[in-house]
Amino acid sequence: MALPEQAQKLVDTQLGEFCFKKVPAHVRHEVRLTFSVLGNTVTLFEERPVQNNLDKRSKRPLAQFRLNVVDHLWRLYFANQKRQEGWLLYREAGPTKDFETLLAALDQDKTGAFWG
């Protein structure tokens, strides 16, 4: 199921602005944040140039926001980097109807799950 139109606009605006502001202008040629939407899941990626081929970029998944269609609550997940598979619920931020609350939790990252 796709994100409701209002939720899609919210994600495009707020996460788009977050991605732009999070990376300082002087390093945007080296690293950028992007996101994709698939169904009711929004995945945030860190992109960097591939060392031997600067025309290509590697994408590393950082975070996932999932909108539950039953309770209409957003949940935040982090990539399971140790096993290089799957997603784990970020317990520092509970389910919420407010997408911005999860963006703030992602930005603050009290555990180092997203920004190391």
PDB file of N, CA and C in Angstrom:
ATOM      1  N   MET A   1       0.831  -1.179   0.000  1.00  0.00           N
ATOM      2  CA  MET A   1       0.000   0.000   0.000  1.00  0.00           C
ATOM      3  C   MET A   1       0.878   1.246   0.000  1.00  0.00           C
ATOM      4  N   ALA A   2       0.591   2.191  -0.848  1.00  0.00           N
ATOM      5  CA  ALA A   2       1.360   3.428  -0.965  1.00  0.00           C
ATOM      6  C   ALA A   2       1.042   4.376   0.188  1.00  0.00           C
ATOM      7  N   LEU A   3       1.978   5.284   0.433  1.00  0.00           N
ATOM      8  CA  LEU A   3       1.731   6.312   1.439  1.00  0.00           C
ATOM      9  C   LEU A   3       0.533   7.157   1.028  1.00  0.00           C
ATOM     10  N   PRO A   4      -0.295   7.555   1.987  1.00  0.00           N
ATOM     11  CA  PRO A   4      -1.349   8.504   1.659  1.00  0.00           C
ATOM     12  C   PRO A   4      -0.717   9.796   1.109  1.00  0.00           C
ATOM     13  N   GLU A   5      -1.439  10.484   0.245  1.00  0.00           N
ATOM     14  CA  GLU A   5      -0.899  11.672  -0.426  1.00  0.00           C
ATOM     15  C   GLU A   5      -0.358  12.702   0.554  1.00  0.00           C
ATOM     16  N   GLN A   6      -1.079  12.954   1.638  1.00  0.00           N
ATOM     17  CA  GLN A   6      -0.630  13.942   2.624  1.00  0.00           C
ATOM     18  C   GLN A   6       0.674  13.497   3.291  1.00  0.00           C
ATOM     19  N   ALA A   7       0.780  12.220   3.605  1.00  0.00           N
ATOM     20  CA  ALA A   7       2.008  11.697   4.208  1.00  0.00           C
ATOM     21  C   ALA A   7       3.164  11.785   3.221  1.00  0.00           C
ATOM     22  N   GLN A   8       2.919  11.515   1.951  1.00  0.00           N
ATOM     23  CA  GLN A   8       3.954  11.606   0.926  1.00  0.00           C
ATOM     24  C   GLN A   8       4.485  13.035   0.815  1.00  0.00           C
ATOM     25  N   LYS A   9       3.584  14.004   0.823  1.00  0.00           N
ATOM     26  CA  LYS A   9       4.001  15.413   0.764  1.00  0.00           C
ATOM     27  C   LYS A   9       4.818  15.793   1.988  1.00  0.00           C
ATOM     28  N   LEU A  10       4.393  15.317   3.152  1.00  0.00           N
ATOM     29  CA  LEU A  10       5.107  15.584   4.394  1.00  0.00           C
ATOM     30  C   LEU A  10       6.530  15.028   4.328  1.00  0.00           C
ATOM     31  N   VAL A  11       6.660  13.802   3.893  1.00  0.00           N
ATOM     32  CA  VAL A  11       7.969  13.164   3.766  1.00  0.00           C
ATOM     33  C   VAL A  11       8.835  13.920   2.768  1.00  0.00           C
ATOM     34  N   ASP A  12       8.286  14.213   1.604  1.00  0.00           N
ATOM     35  CA  ASP A  12       9.061  14.919   0.580  1.00  0.00           C
ATOM     36  C   ASP A  12       9.585  16.249   1.110  1.00  0.00           C
ATOM     37  N   THR A  13       8.739  16.976   1.804  1.00  0.00           N
ATOM     38  CA  THR A  13       9.121  18.298   2.310  1.00  0.00           C
ATOM     39  C   THR A  13      10.090  18.191   3.485  1.00  0.00           C
ATOM     40  N   GLN A  14       9.683  17.488   4.531  1.00  0.00           N
ATOM     41  CA  GLN A  14      10.475  17.468   5.759  1.00  0.00           C
ATOM     42  C   GLN A  14      11.753  16.648   5.636  1.00  0.00           C
ATOM     43  N   LEU A  15      11.672  15.475   5.051  1.00  0.00           N
ATOM     44  CA  LEU A  15      12.876  14.659   4.908  1.00  0.00           C
ATOM     45  C   LEU A  15      13.796  15.253   3.837  1.00  0.00           C
ATOM     46  N   GLY A  16      13.214  15.812   2.793  1.00  0.00           N
ATOM     47  CA  GLY A  16      14.025  16.481   1.777  1.00  0.00           C
ATOM     48  C   GLY A  16      14.834  17.627   2.373  1.00  0.00           C
ATOM     49  N   GLU A  17      14.193  18.430   3.209  1.00  0.00           N
ATOM     50  CA  GLU A  17      14.876  19.548   3.873  1.00  0.00           C
ATOM     51  C   GLU A  17      15.934  19.028   4.849  1.00  0.00           C
ATOM     52  N   PHE A  18      15.596  17.982   5.582  1.00  0.00           N
ATOM     53  CA  PHE A  18      16.539  17.373   6.518  1.00  0.00           C
ATOM     54  C   PHE A  18      17.804  16.912   5.780  1.00  0.00           C
ATOM     55  N   CYS A  19      17.622  16.202   4.670  1.00  0.00           N
ATOM     56  CA  CYS A  19      18.753  15.690   3.888  1.00  0.00           C
ATOM     57  C   CYS A  19      19.648  16.822   3.405  1.00  0.00           C
ATOM     58  N   PHE A  20      19.028  17.903   2.961  1.00  0.00           N
ATOM     59  CA  PHE A  20      19.794  19.035   2.444  1.00  0.00           C
ATOM     60  C   PHE A  20      20.579  19.725   3.565  1.00  0.00           C
ATOM     61  N   LYS A  21      19.942  19.940   4.712  1.00  0.00           N
ATOM     62  CA  LYS A  21      20.579  20.677   5.805  1.00  0.00           C
ATOM     63  C   LYS A  21      21.592  19.841   6.584  1.00  0.00           C
ATOM     64  N   LYS A  22      21.412  18.531   6.622  1.00  0.00           N
ATOM     65  CA  LYS A  22      22.271  17.674   7.445  1.00  0.00           C
ATOM     66  C   LYS A  22      23.712  17.624   6.928  1.00  0.00           C
ATOM     67  N   VAL A  23      23.883  17.707   5.631  1.00  0.00           N
ATOM     68  CA  VAL A  23      25.223  17.625   5.042  1.00  0.00           C
ATOM     69  C   VAL A  23      25.690  19.044   4.699  1.00  0.00           C
ATOM     70  N   PRO A  24      26.803  19.492   5.295  1.00  0.00           N
ATOM     71  CA  PRO A  24      27.317  20.835   4.999  1.00  0.00           C
ATOM     72  C   PRO A  24      27.650  20.994   3.505  1.00  0.00           C
ATOM     73  N   ALA A  25      27.448  22.187   2.993  1.00  0.00           N
ATOM     74  CA  ALA A  25      27.630  22.472   1.568  1.00  0.00           C
ATOM     75  C   ALA A  25      29.024  22.082   1.065  1.00  0.00           C
ATOM     76  N   HIS A  26      30.045  22.289   1.881  1.00  0.00           N
ATOM     77  CA  HIS A  26      31.419  22.047   1.408  1.00  0.00           C
ATOM     78  C   HIS A  26      31.768  20.558   1.265  1.00  0.00           C
ATOM     79  N   VAL A  27      30.904  19.644   1.727  1.00  0.00           N
ATOM     80  CA  VAL A  27      31.190  18.213   1.563  1.00  0.00           C
ATOM     81  C   VAL A  27      30.123  17.492   0.739  1.00  0.00           C
ATOM     82  N   ARG A  28      29.198  18.225   0.165  1.00  0.00           N
ATOM     83  CA  ARG A  28      28.119  17.575  -0.591  1.00  0.00           C
ATOM     84  C   ARG A  28      28.620  16.849  -1.834  1.00  0.00           C
ATOM     85  N   HIS A  29      29.776  17.196  -2.337  1.00  0.00           N
ATOM     86  CA  HIS A  29      30.330  16.458  -3.472  1.00  0.00           C
ATOM     87  C   HIS A  29      30.861  15.083  -3.028  1.00  0.00           C
ATOM     88  N   GLU A  30      31.111  14.926  -1.713  1.00  0.00           N
ATOM     89  CA  GLU A  30      31.623  13.669  -1.178  1.00  0.00           C
ATOM     90  C   GLU A  30      30.549  12.795  -0.549  1.00  0.00           C
ATOM     91  N   VAL A  31      29.547  13.406   0.022  1.00  0.00           N
ATOM     92  CA  VAL A  31      28.495  12.655   0.696  1.00  0.00           C
ATOM     93  C   VAL A  31      27.170  13.396   0.536  1.00  0.00           C
ATOM     94  N   ARG A  32      26.127  12.630   0.368  1.00  0.00           N
ATOM     95  CA  ARG A  32      24.789  13.221   0.328  1.00  0.00           C
ATOM     96  C   ARG A  32      23.805  12.235   0.931  1.00  0.00           C
ATOM     97  N   LEU A  33      22.698  12.745   1.365  1.00  0.00           N
ATOM     98  CA  LEU A  33      21.622  11.933   1.895  1.00  0.00           C
ATOM     99  C   LEU A  33      20.483  11.941   0.890  1.00  0.00           C
ATOM    100  N   THR A  34      19.943  10.773   0.622  1.00  0.00           N
ATOM    101  CA  THR A  34      18.809  10.636  -0.286  1.00  0.00           C
ATOM    102  C   THR A  34      17.804   9.687   0.358  1.00  0.00           C
ATOM    103  N   PHE A  35      16.625   9.631  -0.212  1.00  0.00           N
ATOM    104  CA  PHE A  35      15.630   8.701   0.313  1.00  0.00           C
ATOM    105  C   PHE A  35      14.764   8.182  -0.816  1.00  0.00           C
ATOM    106  N   SER A  36      14.151   7.048  -0.542  1.00  0.00           N
ATOM    107  CA  SER A  36      13.217   6.468  -1.498  1.00  0.00           C
ATOM    108  C   SER A  36      11.989   5.998  -0.726  1.00  0.00           C
ATOM    109  N   VAL A  37      10.881   5.945  -1.450  1.00  0.00           N
ATOM    110  CA  VAL A  37       9.616   5.509  -0.858  1.00  0.00           C
ATOM    111  C   VAL A  37       9.150   4.273  -1.601  1.00  0.00           C
ATOM    112  N   LEU A  38       8.858   3.238  -0.851  1.00  0.00           N
ATOM    113  CA  LEU A  38       8.312   2.012  -1.420  1.00  0.00           C
ATOM    114  C   LEU A  38       7.151   1.591  -0.530  1.00  0.00           C
ATOM    115  N   GLY A  39       5.969   1.688  -1.055  1.00  0.00           N
ATOM    116  CA  GLY A  39       4.786   1.388  -0.259  1.00  0.00           C
ATOM    117  C   GLY A  39       4.656   2.371   0.886  1.00  0.00           C
ATOM    118  N   ASN A  40       4.573   1.859   2.094  1.00  0.00           N
ATOM    119  CA  ASN A  40       4.452   2.720   3.269  1.00  0.00           C
ATOM    120  C   ASN A  40       5.780   2.846   4.021  1.00  0.00           C
ATOM    121  N   THR A  41       6.881   2.538   3.325  1.00  0.00           N
ATOM    122  CA  THR A  41       8.213   2.574   3.913  1.00  0.00           C
ATOM    123  C   THR A  41       9.084   3.613   3.220  1.00  0.00           C
ATOM    124  N   VAL A  42       9.743   4.435   4.027  1.00  0.00           N
ATOM    125  CA  VAL A  42      10.661   5.460   3.528  1.00  0.00           C
ATOM    126  C   VAL A  42      12.054   5.096   4.018  1.00  0.00           C
ATOM    127  N   THR A  43      12.978   4.913   3.089  1.00  0.00           N
ATOM    128  CA  THR A  43      14.350   4.527   3.447  1.00  0.00           C
ATOM    129  C   THR A  43      15.300   5.685   3.163  1.00  0.00           C
ATOM    130  N   LEU A  44      16.112   6.012   4.165  1.00  0.00           N
ATOM    131  CA  LEU A  44      17.119   7.064   4.063  1.00  0.00           C
ATOM    132  C   LEU A  44      18.466   6.412   3.774  1.00  0.00           C
ATOM    133  N   PHE A  45      19.189   6.966   2.790  1.00  0.00           N
ATOM    134  CA  PHE A  45      20.487   6.431   2.375  1.00  0.00           C
ATOM    135  C   PHE A  45      21.567   7.495   2.486  1.00  0.00           C
ATOM    136  N   GLU A  46      22.789   7.032   2.737  1.00  0.00           N
ATOM    137  CA  GLU A  46      23.974   7.871   2.605  1.00  0.00           C
ATOM    138  C   GLU A  46      24.643   7.461   1.307  1.00  0.00           C
ATOM    139  N   GLU A  47      24.924   8.424   0.443  1.00  0.00           N
ATOM    140  CA  GLU A  47      25.590   8.141  -0.827  1.00  0.00           C
ATOM    141  C   GLU A  47      26.977   8.773  -0.837  1.00  0.00           C
ATOM    142  N   ARG A  48      27.933   8.002  -1.346  1.00  0.00           N
ATOM    143  CA  ARG A  48      29.315   8.475  -1.490  1.00  0.00           C
ATOM    144  C   ARG A  48      29.861   8.004  -2.835  1.00  0.00           C
ATOM    145  N   PRO A  49      30.813   8.734  -3.410  1.00  0.00           N
ATOM    146  CA  PRO A  49      31.434   8.264  -4.648  1.00  0.00           C
ATOM    147  C   PRO A  49      32.202   6.966  -4.415  1.00  0.00           C
ATOM    148  N   VAL A  50      32.183   6.089  -5.413  1.00  0.00           N
ATOM    149  CA  VAL A  50      32.979   4.868  -5.359  1.00  0.00           C
ATOM    150  C   VAL A  50      34.426   5.269  -5.628  1.00  0.00           C
ATOM    151  N   GLN A  51      35.370   4.757  -4.843  1.00  0.00           N
ATOM    152  CA  GLN A  51      36.761   5.211  -4.907  1.00  0.00           C
ATOM    153  C   GLN A  51      37.370   5.141  -6.302  1.00  0.00           C
ATOM    154  N   ASN A  52      37.231   4.042  -6.980  1.00  0.00           N
ATOM    155  CA  ASN A  52      37.893   3.878  -8.276  1.00  0.00           C
ATOM    156  C   ASN A  52      37.060   4.366  -9.450  1.00  0.00           C
ATOM    157  N   ASN A  53      35.837   4.807  -9.195  1.00  0.00           N
ATOM    158  CA  ASN A  53      34.962   5.269 -10.265  1.00  0.00           C
ATOM    159  C   ASN A  53      34.075   6.390  -9.722  1.00  0.00           C
ATOM    160  N   LEU A  54      34.537   7.610  -9.815  1.00  0.00           N
ATOM    161  CA  LEU A  54      33.838   8.746  -9.220  1.00  0.00           C
ATOM    162  C   LEU A  54      32.507   9.054  -9.892  1.00  0.00           C
ATOM    163  N   ASP A  55      32.234   8.426 -11.046  1.00  0.00           N
ATOM    164  CA  ASP A  55      30.943   8.610 -11.700  1.00  0.00           C
ATOM    165  C   ASP A  55      29.847   7.764 -11.040  1.00  0.00           C
ATOM    166  N   LYS A  56      30.258   6.770 -10.271  1.00  0.00           N
ATOM    167  CA  LYS A  56      29.307   5.910  -9.570  1.00  0.00           C
ATOM    168  C   LYS A  56      29.275   6.270  -8.097  1.00  0.00           C
ATOM    169  N   ARG A  57      28.138   5.979  -7.461  1.00  0.00           N
ATOM    170  CA  ARG A  57      27.995   6.256  -6.035  1.00  0.00           C
ATOM    171  C   ARG A  57      27.521   4.997  -5.325  1.00  0.00           C
ATOM    172  N   SER A  58      28.046   4.791  -4.127  1.00  0.00           N
ATOM    173  CA  SER A  58      27.561   3.687  -3.300  1.00  0.00           C
ATOM    174  C   SER A  58      26.460   4.227  -2.392  1.00  0.00           C
ATOM    175  N   LYS A  59      25.494   3.375  -2.100  1.00  0.00           N
ATOM    176  CA  LYS A  59      24.386   3.748  -1.226  1.00  0.00           C
ATOM    177  C   LYS A  59      24.395   2.840  -0.014  1.00  0.00           C
ATOM    178  N   ARG A  60      24.385   3.455   1.151  1.00  0.00           N
ATOM    179  CA  ARG A  60      24.326   2.697   2.403  1.00  0.00           C
ATOM    180  C   ARG A  60      23.036   3.075   3.123  1.00  0.00           C
ATOM    181  N   PRO A  61      22.190   2.097   3.418  1.00  0.00           N
ATOM    182  CA  PRO A  61      20.952   2.415   4.124  1.00  0.00           C
ATOM    183  C   PRO A  61      21.246   2.836   5.562  1.00  0.00           C
ATOM    184  N   LEU A  62      20.594   3.919   5.996  1.00  0.00           N
ATOM    185  CA  LEU A  62      20.801   4.431   7.353  1.00  0.00           C
ATOM    186  C   LEU A  62      19.588   4.242   8.245  1.00  0.00           C
ATOM    187  N   ALA A  63      18.430   4.584   7.713  1.00  0.00           N
ATOM    188  CA  ALA A  63      17.219   4.591   8.542  1.00  0.00           C
ATOM    189  C   ALA A  63      16.014   4.242   7.686  1.00  0.00           C
ATOM    190  N   GLN A  64      14.994   3.783   8.386  1.00  0.00           N
ATOM    191  CA  GLN A  64      13.730   3.513   7.713  1.00  0.00           C
ATOM    192  C   GLN A  64      12.599   4.038   8.587  1.00  0.00           C
ATOM    193  N   PHE A  65      11.687   4.725   7.942  1.00  0.00           N
ATOM    194  CA  PHE A  65      10.469   5.198   8.587  1.00  0.00           C
ATOM    195  C   PHE A  65       9.337   4.366   7.997  1.00  0.00           C
ATOM    196  N   ARG A  66       8.525   3.794   8.869  1.00  0.00           N
ATOM    197  CA  ARG A  66       7.412   2.972   8.387  1.00  0.00           C
ATOM    198  C   ARG A  66       6.103   3.499   8.964  1.00  0.00           C
ATOM    199  N   LEU A  67       5.155   3.708   8.083  1.00  0.00           N
ATOM    200  CA  LEU A  67       3.831   4.139   8.501  1.00  0.00           C
ATOM    201  C   LEU A  67       2.936   2.914   8.565  1.00  0.00           C
ATOM    202  N   ASN A  68       2.436   2.608   9.743  1.00  0.00           N
ATOM    203  CA  ASN A  68       1.539   1.480   9.925  1.00  0.00           C
ATOM    204  C   ASN A  68       0.140   1.908   9.488  1.00  0.00           C
ATOM    205  N   VAL A  69      -0.423   1.197   8.538  1.00  0.00           N
ATOM    206  CA  VAL A  69      -1.714   1.590   7.979  1.00  0.00           C
ATOM    207  C   VAL A  69      -2.883   1.285   8.911  1.00  0.00           C
ATOM    208  N   VAL A  70      -2.656   0.466   9.928  1.00  0.00           N
ATOM    209  CA  VAL A  70      -3.726   0.139  10.871  1.00  0.00           C
ATOM    210  C   VAL A  70      -3.868   1.229  11.936  1.00  0.00           C
ATOM    211  N   ASP A  71      -2.749   1.562  12.614  1.00  0.00           N
ATOM    212  CA  ASP A  71      -2.834   2.556  13.690  1.00  0.00           C
ATOM    213  C   ASP A  71      -2.383   3.955  13.253  1.00  0.00           C
ATOM    214  N   HIS A  72      -1.897   4.092  12.019  1.00  0.00           N
ATOM    215  CA  HIS A  72      -1.461   5.375  11.451  1.00  0.00           C
ATOM    216  C   HIS A  72      -0.317   6.006  12.257  1.00  0.00           C
ATOM    217  N   LEU A  73       0.537   5.156  12.791  1.00  0.00           N
ATOM    218  CA  LEU A  73       1.693   5.628  13.546  1.00  0.00           C
ATOM    219  C   LEU A  73       2.977   5.339  12.769  1.00  0.00           C
ATOM    220  N   TRP A  74       3.895   6.303  12.819  1.00  0.00           N
ATOM    221  CA  TRP A  74       5.213   6.142  12.228  1.00  0.00           C
ATOM    222  C   TRP A  74       6.120   5.436  13.229  1.00  0.00           C
ATOM    223  N   ARG A  75       7.008   4.586  12.723  1.00  0.00           N
ATOM    224  CA  ARG A  75       8.030   3.937  13.530  1.00  0.00           C
ATOM    225  C   ARG A  75       9.372   4.112  12.831  1.00  0.00           C
ATOM    226  N   LEU A  76      10.428   4.196  13.630  1.00  0.00           N
ATOM    227  CA  LEU A  76      11.774   4.427  13.108  1.00  0.00           C
ATOM    228  C   LEU A  76      12.622   3.179  13.324  1.00  0.00           C
ATOM    229  N   TYR A  77      13.348   2.784  12.283  1.00  0.00           N
ATOM    230  CA  TYR A  77      14.214   1.612  12.308  1.00  0.00           C
ATOM    231  C   TYR A  77      15.619   2.002  11.868  1.00  0.00           C
ATOM    232  N   PHE A  78      16.617   1.226  12.326  1.00  0.00           N
ATOM    233  CA  PHE A  78      17.986   1.442  11.860  1.00  0.00           C
ATOM    234  C   PHE A  78      18.496   0.168  11.210  1.00  0.00           C
ATOM    235  N   ALA A  79      19.432   0.338  10.292  1.00  0.00           N
ATOM    236  CA  ALA A  79      19.981  -0.799   9.553  1.00  0.00           C
ATOM    237  C   ALA A  79      20.814  -1.666  10.489  1.00  0.00           C
ATOM    238  N   ASN A  80      20.656  -2.959  10.382  1.00  0.00           N
ATOM    239  CA  ASN A  80      21.423  -3.913  11.172  1.00  0.00           C
ATOM    240  C   ASN A  80      22.776  -4.108  10.479  1.00  0.00           C
ATOM    241  N   GLN A  81      23.705  -3.200  10.722  1.00  0.00           N
ATOM    242  CA  GLN A  81      25.005  -3.207  10.037  1.00  0.00           C
ATOM    243  C   GLN A  81      25.880  -4.390  10.442  1.00  0.00           C
ATOM    244  N   LYS A  82      25.706  -4.902  11.650  1.00  0.00           N
ATOM    245  CA  LYS A  82      26.543  -6.013  12.108  1.00  0.00           C
ATOM    246  C   LYS A  82      26.300  -7.269  11.285  1.00  0.00           C
ATOM    247  N   ARG A  83      25.054  -7.483  10.930  1.00  0.00           N
ATOM    248  CA  ARG A  83      24.721  -8.674  10.146  1.00  0.00           C
ATOM    249  C   ARG A  83      24.451  -8.332   8.689  1.00  0.00           C
ATOM    250  N   GLN A  84      24.521  -7.075   8.356  1.00  0.00           N
ATOM    251  CA  GLN A  84      24.298  -6.582   6.995  1.00  0.00           C
ATOM    252  C   GLN A  84      22.982  -7.078   6.400  1.00  0.00           C
ATOM    253  N   GLU A  85      21.996  -7.148   7.246  1.00  0.00           N
ATOM    254  CA  GLU A  85      20.683  -7.555   6.761  1.00  0.00           C
ATOM    255  C   GLU A  85      19.622  -7.080   7.741  1.00  0.00           C
ATOM    256  N   GLY A  86      18.512  -6.696   7.221  1.00  0.00           N
ATOM    257  CA  GLY A  86      17.367  -6.384   8.053  1.00  0.00           C
ATOM    258  C   GLY A  86      17.421  -5.057   8.778  1.00  0.00           C
ATOM    259  N   TRP A  87      16.380  -4.804   9.496  1.00  0.00           N
ATOM    260  CA  TRP A  87      16.181  -3.546  10.206  1.00  0.00           C
ATOM    261  C   TRP A  87      15.786  -3.840  11.641  1.00  0.00           C
ATOM    262  N   LEU A  88      16.229  -2.976  12.539  1.00  0.00           N
ATOM    263  CA  LEU A  88      15.898  -3.102  13.951  1.00  0.00           C
ATOM    264  C   LEU A  88      15.149  -1.858  14.404  1.00  0.00           C
ATOM    265  N   LEU A  89      14.145  -2.051  15.241  1.00  0.00           N
ATOM    266  CA  LEU A  89      13.365  -0.935  15.760  1.00  0.00           C
ATOM    267  C   LEU A  89      14.246  -0.062  16.638  1.00  0.00           C
ATOM    268  N   TYR A  90      14.198   1.239  16.408  1.00  0.00           N
ATOM    269  CA  TYR A  90      14.947   2.204  17.216  1.00  0.00           C
ATOM    270  C   TYR A  90      14.119   2.503  18.454  1.00  0.00           C
ATOM    271  N   ARG A  91      14.515   1.954  19.578  1.00  0.00           N
ATOM    272  CA  ARG A  91      13.712   2.013  20.800  1.00  0.00           C
ATOM    273  C   ARG A  91      13.779   3.362  21.519  1.00  0.00           C
ATOM    274  N   GLU A  92      14.670   4.235  21.095  1.00  0.00           N
ATOM    275  CA  GLU A  92      14.767   5.562  21.710  1.00  0.00           C
ATOM    276  C   GLU A  92      13.635   6.488  21.272  1.00  0.00           C
ATOM    277  N   ALA A  93      12.886   6.081  20.267  1.00  0.00           N
ATOM    278  CA  ALA A  93      11.758   6.878  19.774  1.00  0.00           C
ATOM    279  C   ALA A  93      10.574   5.947  19.559  1.00  0.00           C
ATOM    280  N   GLY A  94       9.534   6.156  20.302  1.00  0.00           N
ATOM    281  CA  GLY A  94       8.364   5.303  20.183  1.00  0.00           C
ATOM    282  C   GLY A  94       7.512   5.666  18.985  1.00  0.00           C
ATOM    283  N   PRO A  95       6.530   4.832  18.693  1.00  0.00           N
ATOM    284  CA  PRO A  95       5.603   5.109  17.595  1.00  0.00           C
ATOM    285  C   PRO A  95       4.918   6.463  17.799  1.00  0.00           C
ATOM    286  N   THR A  96       4.716   7.187  16.701  1.00  0.00           N
ATOM    287  CA  THR A  96       4.126   8.519  16.797  1.00  0.00           C
ATOM    288  C   THR A  96       3.391   8.874  15.508  1.00  0.00           C
ATOM    289  N   LYS A  97       2.420   9.754  15.634  1.00  0.00           N
ATOM    290  CA  LYS A  97       1.744  10.285  14.451  1.00  0.00           C
ATOM    291  C   LYS A  97       2.541  11.437  13.844  1.00  0.00           C
ATOM    292  N   ASP A  98       3.510  11.947  14.608  1.00  0.00           N
ATOM    293  CA  ASP A  98       4.293  13.120  14.210  1.00  0.00           C
ATOM    294  C   ASP A  98       5.624  12.691  13.580  1.00  0.00           C
ATOM    295  N   PHE A  99       5.688  12.769  12.263  1.00  0.00           N
ATOM    296  CA  PHE A  99       6.901  12.393  11.525  1.00  0.00           C
ATOM    297  C   PHE A  99       8.115  13.201  12.000  1.00  0.00           C
ATOM    298  N   GLU A 100       7.911  14.477  12.315  1.00  0.00           N
ATOM    299  CA  GLU A 100       9.010  15.349  12.758  1.00  0.00           C
ATOM    300  C   GLU A 100       9.658  14.848  14.047  1.00  0.00           C
ATOM    301  N   THR A 101       8.887  14.219  14.910  1.00  0.00           N
ATOM    302  CA  THR A 101       9.438  13.674  16.150  1.00  0.00           C
ATOM    303  C   THR A 101      10.495  12.621  15.835  1.00  0.00           C
ATOM    304  N   LEU A 102      10.218  11.784  14.842  1.00  0.00           N
ATOM    305  CA  LEU A 102      11.195  10.756  14.460  1.00  0.00           C
ATOM    306  C   LEU A 102      12.401  11.364  13.747  1.00  0.00           C
ATOM    307  N   LEU A 103      12.182  12.423  12.985  1.00  0.00           N
ATOM    308  CA  LEU A 103      13.320  13.114  12.362  1.00  0.00           C
ATOM    309  C   LEU A 103      14.242  13.693  13.431  1.00  0.00           C
ATOM    310  N   ALA A 104      13.666  14.253  14.480  1.00  0.00           N
ATOM    311  CA  ALA A 104      14.471  14.797  15.579  1.00  0.00           C
ATOM    312  C   ALA A 104      15.239  13.684  16.276  1.00  0.00           C
ATOM    313  N   ALA A 105      14.607  12.539  16.497  1.00  0.00           N
ATOM    314  CA  ALA A 105      15.289  11.403  17.122  1.00  0.00           C
ATOM    315  C   ALA A 105      16.438  10.913  16.252  1.00  0.00           C
ATOM    316  N   LEU A 106      16.213  10.862  14.955  1.00  0.00           N
ATOM    317  CA  LEU A 106      17.257  10.474  14.006  1.00  0.00           C
ATOM    318  C   LEU A 106      18.429  11.451  14.076  1.00  0.00           C
ATOM    319  N   ASP A 107      18.134  12.723  14.093  1.00  0.00           N
ATOM    320  CA  ASP A 107      19.165  13.754  14.125  1.00  0.00           C
ATOM    321  C   ASP A 107      19.974  13.685  15.417  1.00  0.00           C
ATOM    322  N   GLN A 108      19.297  13.498  16.542  1.00  0.00           N
ATOM    323  CA  GLN A 108      19.979  13.457  17.840  1.00  0.00           C
ATOM    324  C   GLN A 108      20.718  12.143  18.046  1.00  0.00           C
ATOM    325  N   ASP A 109      20.188  11.042  17.561  1.00  0.00           N
ATOM    326  CA  ASP A 109      20.813   9.719  17.588  1.00  0.00           C
ATOM    327  C   ASP A 109      21.554   9.438  18.891  1.00  0.00           C
ATOM    328  N   LYS A 110      20.835   9.252  19.965  1.00  0.00           N
ATOM    329  CA  LYS A 110      21.412   9.050  21.293  1.00  0.00           C
ATOM    330  C   LYS A 110      22.263   7.791  21.417  1.00  0.00           C
ATOM    331  N   THR A 111      22.070   6.830  20.536  1.00  0.00           N
ATOM    332  CA  THR A 111      22.772   5.545  20.667  1.00  0.00           C
ATOM    333  C   THR A 111      23.877   5.330  19.622  1.00  0.00           C
ATOM    334  N   GLY A 112      23.962   6.187  18.624  1.00  0.00           N
ATOM    335  CA  GLY A 112      24.940   5.985  17.554  1.00  0.00           C
ATOM    336  C   GLY A 112      24.485   4.992  16.506  1.00  0.00           C
ATOM    337  N   ALA A 113      23.220   4.661  16.498  1.00  0.00           N
ATOM    338  CA  ALA A 113      22.694   3.675  15.556  1.00  0.00           C
ATOM    339  C   ALA A 113      22.717   4.178  14.116  1.00  0.00           C
ATOM    340  N   PHE A 114      22.575   5.484  13.936  1.00  0.00           N
ATOM    341  CA  PHE A 114      22.491   6.043  12.586  1.00  0.00           C
ATOM    342  C   PHE A 114      23.788   6.717  12.148  1.00  0.00           C
ATOM    343  N   TRP A 115      24.364   7.498  13.013  1.00  0.00           N
ATOM    344  CA  TRP A 115      25.524   8.310  12.627  1.00  0.00           C
ATOM    345  C   TRP A 115      26.821   7.806  13.224  1.00  0.00           C
ATOM    346  N   GLY A 116      26.796   6.616  13.805  1.00  0.00           N
ATOM    347  CA  GLY A 116      28.010   5.971  14.313  1.00  0.00           C
ATOM    348  C   GLY A 116      28.547   6.641  15.508  1.00  0.00           C
TER     349      GLY A 116
END
